Amino acid sequence: MKDSTPIFCIRTEELGRAHLDNVFSSIGLRSSLSDLEAGFVLMPKKYLLIESLEKLLELENSVAFSDLLQFVKKDNGWTIIASGRDYAYQQISFNYLQPSGINYSLLTIDGFSDNDIQQLCEELEILKPFADNPSLKPLLKN
């Protein structure tokens, strides 16, 4: 069997639980956090993709996210790749990432250029009315 690297994907909304075990059970995993930890200890690299991290600021309970950061910190083989809006980065960094002591970095991806939007409109004609409207075109660039 070839070497394989596990990749996990999660939406930020799923982290709105009291504990990380609750998150895993809500997405159908029957293993406990310690079972998962033991199962992945021999895998040198593991990836977790988190969608829309800015939604962390909207959660009533963010304990599971803090649990996740501590879980990842124990095993330096984890890499988290999170998408999120720029406006939330500083607050998430200050409230969660810095206090957890994990290493992190920011990669900013700029919006679409006029050429990118033109190409999208050629492929998806439904976008053309938005691109032709000067008030709405800036929304497509984000």
N, C-alpha and C. Protein backbone atom coordinates (compact mmCIF):
# COMPACT_ATOMS: atom_id res chain seq x y z
N MET A 1 0.85 -1.19 0.00
CA MET A 1 0.00 0.00 0.00
C MET A 1 0.88 1.24 0.00
N LYS A 2 0.58 2.19 -0.86
CA LYS A 2 1.36 3.41 -0.95
C LYS A 2 1.12 4.27 0.28
N ASP A 3 2.14 5.10 0.57
CA ASP A 3 1.97 6.07 1.65
C ASP A 3 0.85 7.02 1.28
N SER A 4 0.03 7.34 2.25
CA SER A 4 -1.03 8.31 2.00
C SER A 4 -1.10 9.27 3.17
N THR A 5 -1.52 10.46 2.87
CA THR A 5 -1.64 11.50 3.88
C THR A 5 -3.11 11.77 4.11
N PRO A 6 -3.58 11.65 5.35
CA PRO A 6 -5.00 11.91 5.60
C PRO A 6 -5.32 13.40 5.53
N ILE A 7 -6.44 13.69 4.91
CA ILE A 7 -6.93 15.06 4.80
C ILE A 7 -8.36 15.08 5.33
N PHE A 8 -8.60 15.96 6.29
CA PHE A 8 -9.92 16.11 6.89
C PHE A 8 -10.45 17.49 6.55
N CYS A 9 -11.74 17.60 6.35
CA CYS A 9 -12.38 18.88 6.05
C CYS A 9 -13.51 19.10 7.03
N ILE A 10 -13.62 20.34 7.49
CA ILE A 10 -14.69 20.66 8.44
C ILE A 10 -15.13 22.11 8.21
N ARG A 11 -16.40 22.34 8.42
CA ARG A 11 -16.93 23.71 8.37
C ARG A 11 -16.85 24.28 9.78
N THR A 12 -16.57 25.55 9.89
CA THR A 12 -16.42 26.19 11.19
C THR A 12 -17.68 26.02 12.04
N GLU A 13 -18.84 26.05 11.42
CA GLU A 13 -20.09 25.92 12.18
C GLU A 13 -20.14 24.62 12.98
N GLU A 14 -19.47 23.59 12.48
CA GLU A 14 -19.46 22.30 13.17
C GLU A 14 -18.65 22.34 14.45
N LEU A 15 -17.85 23.39 14.64
CA LEU A 15 -17.02 23.51 15.84
C LEU A 15 -17.75 24.22 16.98
N GLY A 16 -18.99 24.54 16.81
CA GLY A 16 -19.75 25.24 17.84
C GLY A 16 -20.28 24.30 18.91
N ARG A 17 -19.44 23.47 19.46
CA ARG A 17 -19.83 22.47 20.46
C ARG A 17 -19.05 22.69 21.75
N ALA A 18 -19.48 22.00 22.79
CA ALA A 18 -18.85 22.14 24.11
C ALA A 18 -17.51 21.42 24.20
N HIS A 19 -17.29 20.44 23.33
CA HIS A 19 -16.03 19.68 23.37
C HIS A 19 -15.76 19.10 21.99
N LEU A 20 -14.51 18.86 21.69
CA LEU A 20 -14.14 18.33 20.39
C LEU A 20 -14.73 16.94 20.14
N ASP A 21 -14.87 16.12 21.17
CA ASP A 21 -15.52 14.82 21.01
C ASP A 21 -16.94 14.98 20.46
N ASN A 22 -17.65 16.02 20.92
CA ASN A 22 -19.00 16.28 20.44
C ASN A 22 -19.01 16.63 18.95
N VAL A 23 -17.98 17.32 18.50
CA VAL A 23 -17.86 17.66 17.08
C VAL A 23 -17.70 16.39 16.27
N PHE A 24 -16.79 15.51 16.71
CA PHE A 24 -16.54 14.27 15.97
C PHE A 24 -17.79 13.40 15.92
N SER A 25 -18.49 13.28 17.02
CA SER A 25 -19.69 12.44 17.01
C SER A 25 -20.79 13.05 16.14
N SER A 26 -20.86 14.38 16.08
CA SER A 26 -21.90 15.02 15.26
C SER A 26 -21.66 14.84 13.77
N ILE A 27 -20.41 14.56 13.37
CA ILE A 27 -20.14 14.33 11.95
C ILE A 27 -20.00 12.84 11.64
N GLY A 28 -20.37 12.00 12.61
CA GLY A 28 -20.45 10.57 12.36
C GLY A 28 -19.25 9.74 12.78
N LEU A 29 -18.23 10.36 13.39
CA LEU A 29 -17.09 9.58 13.87
C LEU A 29 -17.43 8.96 15.21
N ARG A 30 -17.17 7.69 15.33
CA ARG A 30 -17.49 7.00 16.57
C ARG A 30 -16.29 6.93 17.53
N SER A 31 -15.13 7.31 17.05
CA SER A 31 -13.92 7.25 17.88
C SER A 31 -13.84 8.46 18.80
N SER A 32 -13.23 8.25 19.95
CA SER A 32 -13.00 9.36 20.87
C SER A 32 -11.76 10.13 20.41
N LEU A 33 -11.54 11.26 21.02
CA LEU A 33 -10.38 12.08 20.71
C LEU A 33 -9.08 11.32 20.96
N SER A 34 -9.02 10.59 22.06
CA SER A 34 -7.80 9.82 22.37
C SER A 34 -7.62 8.66 21.39
N ASP A 35 -8.71 8.05 20.92
CA ASP A 35 -8.62 7.00 19.90
C ASP A 35 -8.05 7.55 18.60
N LEU A 36 -8.53 8.72 18.20
CA LEU A 36 -8.03 9.35 16.98
C LEU A 36 -6.55 9.71 17.12
N GLU A 37 -6.21 10.23 18.28
CA GLU A 37 -4.82 10.61 18.54
C GLU A 37 -3.91 9.39 18.41
N ALA A 38 -4.31 8.28 19.00
CA ALA A 38 -3.51 7.05 18.93
C ALA A 38 -3.45 6.51 17.50
N GLY A 39 -4.53 6.63 16.78
CA GLY A 39 -4.58 6.12 15.41
C GLY A 39 -3.71 6.88 14.43
N PHE A 40 -3.48 8.16 14.70
CA PHE A 40 -2.71 8.98 13.77
C PHE A 40 -1.27 9.23 14.20
N VAL A 41 -0.88 8.71 15.34
CA VAL A 41 0.44 9.02 15.88
C VAL A 41 1.58 8.60 14.95
N LEU A 42 1.40 7.54 14.19
CA LEU A 42 2.47 7.06 13.31
C LEU A 42 2.45 7.71 11.93
N MET A 43 1.45 8.52 11.65
CA MET A 43 1.39 9.21 10.36
C MET A 43 2.12 10.54 10.50
N PRO A 44 3.18 10.73 9.72
CA PRO A 44 3.99 11.93 9.91
C PRO A 44 3.29 13.23 9.51
N LYS A 45 2.41 13.19 8.53
CA LYS A 45 1.71 14.39 8.07
C LYS A 45 0.22 14.15 8.04
N LYS A 46 -0.52 15.16 8.50
CA LYS A 46 -1.97 15.13 8.50
C LYS A 46 -2.46 16.54 8.21
N TYR A 47 -3.53 16.66 7.44
CA TYR A 47 -4.05 17.97 7.08
C TYR A 47 -5.50 18.10 7.52
N LEU A 48 -5.83 19.30 7.99
CA LEU A 48 -7.20 19.64 8.34
C LEU A 48 -7.55 20.93 7.60
N LEU A 49 -8.60 20.88 6.79
CA LEU A 49 -9.09 22.06 6.08
C LEU A 49 -10.31 22.58 6.82
N ILE A 50 -10.29 23.86 7.17
CA ILE A 50 -11.42 24.48 7.86
C ILE A 50 -11.97 25.58 6.96
N GLU A 51 -13.24 25.48 6.66
CA GLU A 51 -13.90 26.45 5.79
C GLU A 51 -14.50 27.59 6.62
N SER A 52 -14.33 28.81 6.15
CA SER A 52 -14.99 30.01 6.71
C SER A 52 -14.68 30.22 8.19
N LEU A 53 -13.41 30.33 8.51
CA LEU A 53 -13.01 30.47 9.91
C LEU A 53 -13.56 31.74 10.56
N GLU A 54 -13.93 32.74 9.76
CA GLU A 54 -14.50 33.95 10.33
C GLU A 54 -15.79 33.66 11.10
N LYS A 55 -16.46 32.57 10.76
CA LYS A 55 -17.71 32.22 11.45
C LYS A 55 -17.46 31.78 12.89
N LEU A 56 -16.21 31.56 13.24
CA LEU A 56 -15.85 31.27 14.63
C LEU A 56 -16.31 32.40 15.54
N LEU A 57 -16.25 33.62 15.04
CA LEU A 57 -16.65 34.78 15.83
C LEU A 57 -18.15 34.83 16.09
N GLU A 58 -18.93 34.07 15.34
CA GLU A 58 -20.38 34.04 15.50
C GLU A 58 -20.86 32.89 16.40
N LEU A 59 -19.97 31.96 16.71
CA LEU A 59 -20.37 30.79 17.50
C LEU A 59 -20.66 31.17 18.94
N GLU A 60 -21.70 30.58 19.50
CA GLU A 60 -22.00 30.79 20.91
C GLU A 60 -21.00 30.06 21.79
N ASN A 61 -20.48 28.95 21.30
CA ASN A 61 -19.53 28.15 22.07
C ASN A 61 -18.34 27.82 21.17
N SER A 62 -17.17 28.28 21.56
CA SER A 62 -15.97 28.03 20.74
C SER A 62 -14.96 27.13 21.46
N VAL A 63 -15.41 26.45 22.50
CA VAL A 63 -14.51 25.58 23.27
C VAL A 63 -13.94 24.47 22.40
N ALA A 64 -14.74 23.91 21.52
CA ALA A 64 -14.26 22.82 20.66
C ALA A 64 -13.12 23.30 19.76
N PHE A 65 -13.18 24.55 19.31
CA PHE A 65 -12.09 25.07 18.49
C PHE A 65 -10.81 25.18 19.32
N SER A 66 -10.93 25.65 20.53
CA SER A 66 -9.76 25.71 21.43
C SER A 66 -9.23 24.31 21.70
N ASP A 67 -10.13 23.35 21.90
CA ASP A 67 -9.72 21.95 22.07
C ASP A 67 -8.96 21.46 20.83
N LEU A 68 -9.46 21.83 19.66
CA LEU A 68 -8.82 21.42 18.41
C LEU A 68 -7.39 21.96 18.32
N LEU A 69 -7.21 23.22 18.69
CA LEU A 69 -5.87 23.80 18.65
C LEU A 69 -4.92 23.07 19.59
N GLN A 70 -5.40 22.71 20.78
CA GLN A 70 -4.55 21.97 21.72
C GLN A 70 -4.26 20.56 21.21
N PHE A 71 -5.25 19.93 20.59
CA PHE A 71 -5.08 18.60 20.00
C PHE A 71 -3.99 18.63 18.93
N VAL A 72 -4.05 19.62 18.06
CA VAL A 72 -3.09 19.76 16.97
C VAL A 72 -1.70 20.10 17.50
N LYS A 73 -1.66 20.89 18.55
CA LYS A 73 -0.37 21.31 19.12
C LYS A 73 0.42 20.12 19.68
N LYS A 74 -0.27 19.10 20.16
CA LYS A 74 0.39 17.92 20.74
C LYS A 74 1.18 17.13 19.69
N ASP A 75 0.75 17.19 18.44
CA ASP A 75 1.36 16.40 17.37
C ASP A 75 1.74 17.34 16.24
N ASN A 76 3.04 17.61 16.11
CA ASN A 76 3.47 18.60 15.12
C ASN A 76 3.34 18.13 13.67
N GLY A 77 2.75 16.98 13.44
CA GLY A 77 2.52 16.50 12.08
C GLY A 77 1.28 17.10 11.44
N TRP A 78 0.49 17.84 12.21
CA TRP A 78 -0.74 18.43 11.69
C TRP A 78 -0.46 19.76 11.01
N THR A 79 -1.14 19.98 9.90
CA THR A 79 -1.17 21.28 9.24
C THR A 79 -2.63 21.64 9.06
N ILE A 80 -3.00 22.82 9.55
CA ILE A 80 -4.36 23.31 9.36
C ILE A 80 -4.33 24.37 8.28
N ILE A 81 -5.22 24.23 7.32
CA ILE A 81 -5.39 25.24 6.28
C ILE A 81 -6.82 25.74 6.43
N ALA A 82 -6.95 27.02 6.78
CA ALA A 82 -8.27 27.59 7.04
C ALA A 82 -8.54 28.74 6.08
N SER A 83 -9.74 28.75 5.53
CA SER A 83 -10.15 29.90 4.73
C SER A 83 -10.92 30.84 5.64
N GLY A 84 -10.84 32.11 5.35
CA GLY A 84 -11.56 33.07 6.17
C GLY A 84 -11.48 34.46 5.60
N ARG A 85 -12.33 35.31 6.08
CA ARG A 85 -12.36 36.70 5.64
C ARG A 85 -11.29 37.51 6.38
N ASP A 86 -10.72 38.44 5.67
CA ASP A 86 -9.64 39.26 6.19
C ASP A 86 -10.04 40.02 7.46
N TYR A 87 -11.29 40.50 7.51
CA TYR A 87 -11.73 41.31 8.65
C TYR A 87 -11.65 40.56 9.97
N ALA A 88 -11.70 39.24 9.95
CA ALA A 88 -11.74 38.45 11.18
C ALA A 88 -10.37 37.97 11.63
N TYR A 89 -9.37 38.08 10.77
CA TYR A 89 -8.06 37.50 11.05
C TYR A 89 -7.46 38.01 12.36
N GLN A 90 -7.43 39.31 12.54
CA GLN A 90 -6.78 39.87 13.72
C GLN A 90 -7.45 39.39 15.02
N GLN A 91 -8.75 39.38 15.05
CA GLN A 91 -9.46 38.95 16.26
C GLN A 91 -9.26 37.45 16.53
N ILE A 92 -9.30 36.64 15.50
CA ILE A 92 -9.07 35.20 15.67
C ILE A 92 -7.64 34.94 16.11
N SER A 93 -6.73 35.66 15.51
CA SER A 93 -5.32 35.52 15.89
C SER A 93 -5.11 35.89 17.35
N PHE A 94 -5.65 37.02 17.76
CA PHE A 94 -5.46 37.52 19.13
C PHE A 94 -6.17 36.65 20.17
N ASN A 95 -7.39 36.21 19.86
CA ASN A 95 -8.20 35.47 20.84
C ASN A 95 -7.92 33.97 20.90
N TYR A 96 -7.46 33.39 19.79
CA TYR A 96 -7.33 31.93 19.74
C TYR A 96 -5.92 31.45 19.38
N LEU A 97 -5.38 31.95 18.29
CA LEU A 97 -4.11 31.41 17.78
C LEU A 97 -2.92 31.76 18.67
N GLN A 98 -2.78 33.02 19.02
CA GLN A 98 -1.66 33.41 19.88
C GLN A 98 -1.72 32.74 21.25
N PRO A 99 -2.86 32.76 21.95
CA PRO A 99 -2.91 32.12 23.26
C PRO A 99 -2.63 30.61 23.22
N SER A 100 -2.95 29.96 22.10
CA SER A 100 -2.73 28.51 22.01
C SER A 100 -1.26 28.17 21.84
N GLY A 101 -0.47 29.12 21.37
CA GLY A 101 0.96 28.88 21.19
C GLY A 101 1.32 28.09 19.95
N ILE A 102 0.39 27.94 19.03
CA ILE A 102 0.71 27.21 17.80
C ILE A 102 1.36 28.17 16.79
N ASN A 103 2.14 27.60 15.89
CA ASN A 103 2.73 28.40 14.81
C ASN A 103 1.69 28.56 13.71
N TYR A 104 1.58 29.77 13.19
CA TYR A 104 0.63 30.03 12.12
C TYR A 104 1.15 31.15 11.23
N SER A 105 0.64 31.20 10.04
CA SER A 105 0.98 32.28 9.12
C SER A 105 -0.24 32.61 8.27
N LEU A 106 -0.21 33.79 7.70
CA LEU A 106 -1.32 34.30 6.89
C LEU A 106 -0.92 34.32 5.42
N LEU A 107 -1.82 33.86 4.59
CA LEU A 107 -1.66 33.97 3.14
C LEU A 107 -2.88 34.71 2.63
N THR A 108 -2.66 35.90 2.11
CA THR A 108 -3.76 36.71 1.59
C THR A 108 -3.89 36.48 0.09
N ILE A 109 -5.08 36.18 -0.33
CA ILE A 109 -5.37 36.00 -1.75
C ILE A 109 -6.24 37.17 -2.18
N ASP A 110 -5.73 37.93 -3.12
CA ASP A 110 -6.47 39.10 -3.60
C ASP A 110 -7.66 38.68 -4.44
N GLY A 111 -8.57 39.64 -4.63
CA GLY A 111 -9.78 39.39 -5.40
C GLY A 111 -9.51 39.19 -6.88
N PHE A 112 -10.57 38.97 -7.61
CA PHE A 112 -10.49 38.74 -9.05
C PHE A 112 -10.18 40.05 -9.79
N SER A 113 -9.40 39.95 -10.84
CA SER A 113 -9.14 41.10 -11.71
C SER A 113 -10.28 41.23 -12.71
N ASP A 114 -10.28 42.34 -13.47
CA ASP A 114 -11.30 42.51 -14.51
C ASP A 114 -11.22 41.39 -15.54
N ASN A 115 -10.00 40.97 -15.87
CA ASN A 115 -9.84 39.86 -16.82
C ASN A 115 -10.41 38.56 -16.26
N ASP A 116 -10.17 38.32 -14.96
CA ASP A 116 -10.72 37.12 -14.32
C ASP A 116 -12.25 37.12 -14.39
N ILE A 117 -12.84 38.28 -14.11
CA ILE A 117 -14.31 38.39 -14.13
C ILE A 117 -14.84 38.19 -15.55
N GLN A 118 -14.15 38.75 -16.53
CA GLN A 118 -14.57 38.57 -17.92
C GLN A 118 -14.55 37.10 -18.30
N GLN A 119 -13.49 36.40 -17.90
CA GLN A 119 -13.38 34.97 -18.21
C GLN A 119 -14.48 34.18 -17.51
N LEU A 120 -14.77 34.51 -16.25
CA LEU A 120 -15.86 33.84 -15.53
C LEU A 120 -17.20 34.07 -16.22
N CYS A 121 -17.43 35.30 -16.66
CA CYS A 121 -18.70 35.61 -17.33
C CYS A 121 -18.84 34.87 -18.65
N GLU A 122 -17.73 34.63 -19.32
CA GLU A 122 -17.78 33.85 -20.56
C GLU A 122 -18.15 32.40 -20.27
N GLU A 123 -17.69 31.89 -19.14
CA GLU A 123 -17.98 30.51 -18.77
C GLU A 123 -19.33 30.36 -18.07
N LEU A 124 -19.71 31.38 -17.31
CA LEU A 124 -20.98 31.36 -16.57
C LEU A 124 -21.78 32.60 -16.94
N GLU A 125 -22.59 32.49 -17.96
CA GLU A 125 -23.32 33.65 -18.47
C GLU A 125 -24.25 34.27 -17.44
N ILE A 126 -24.64 33.52 -16.45
CA ILE A 126 -25.54 34.06 -15.43
C ILE A 126 -24.88 35.21 -14.66
N LEU A 127 -23.56 35.28 -14.66
CA LEU A 127 -22.84 36.34 -13.95
C LEU A 127 -22.75 37.64 -14.76
N LYS A 128 -22.99 37.57 -16.05
CA LYS A 128 -22.81 38.73 -16.93
C LYS A 128 -23.60 39.95 -16.48
N PRO A 129 -24.88 39.84 -16.09
CA PRO A 129 -25.60 41.04 -15.64
C PRO A 129 -24.94 41.71 -14.42
N PHE A 130 -24.34 40.91 -13.57
CA PHE A 130 -23.66 41.47 -12.40
C PHE A 130 -22.39 42.21 -12.82
N ALA A 131 -21.66 41.63 -13.75
CA ALA A 131 -20.41 42.24 -14.23
C ALA A 131 -20.68 43.52 -15.01
N ASP A 132 -21.84 43.60 -15.67
CA ASP A 132 -22.19 44.79 -16.45
C ASP A 132 -22.73 45.92 -15.58
N ASN A 133 -23.09 45.63 -14.35
CA ASN A 133 -23.64 46.63 -13.45
C ASN A 133 -22.49 47.23 -12.61
N PRO A 134 -22.20 48.53 -12.77
CA PRO A 134 -21.07 49.13 -12.04
C PRO A 134 -21.21 49.06 -10.52
N SER A 135 -22.43 48.99 -10.02
CA SER A 135 -22.63 48.89 -8.57
C SER A 135 -22.36 47.49 -8.05
N LEU A 136 -22.60 46.49 -8.88
CA LEU A 136 -22.46 45.10 -8.44
C LEU A 136 -21.12 44.47 -8.80
N LYS A 137 -20.45 45.00 -9.80
CA LYS A 137 -19.19 44.41 -10.25
C LYS A 137 -18.16 44.28 -9.12
N PRO A 138 -18.04 45.26 -8.22
CA PRO A 138 -17.07 45.10 -7.12
C PRO A 138 -17.34 43.88 -6.24
N LEU A 139 -18.60 43.48 -6.14
CA LEU A 139 -18.93 42.29 -5.35
C LEU A 139 -18.34 41.03 -5.96
N LEU A 140 -18.27 40.98 -7.28
CA LEU A 140 -17.69 39.82 -7.96
C LEU A 140 -16.18 39.74 -7.73
N LYS A 141 -15.55 40.86 -7.48
CA LYS A 141 -14.10 40.86 -7.28
C LYS A 141 -13.70 40.28 -5.94
N ASN A 142 -14.63 40.20 -5.04
CA ASN A 142 -14.33 39.64 -3.72
C ASN A 142 -14.69 38.20 -3.68
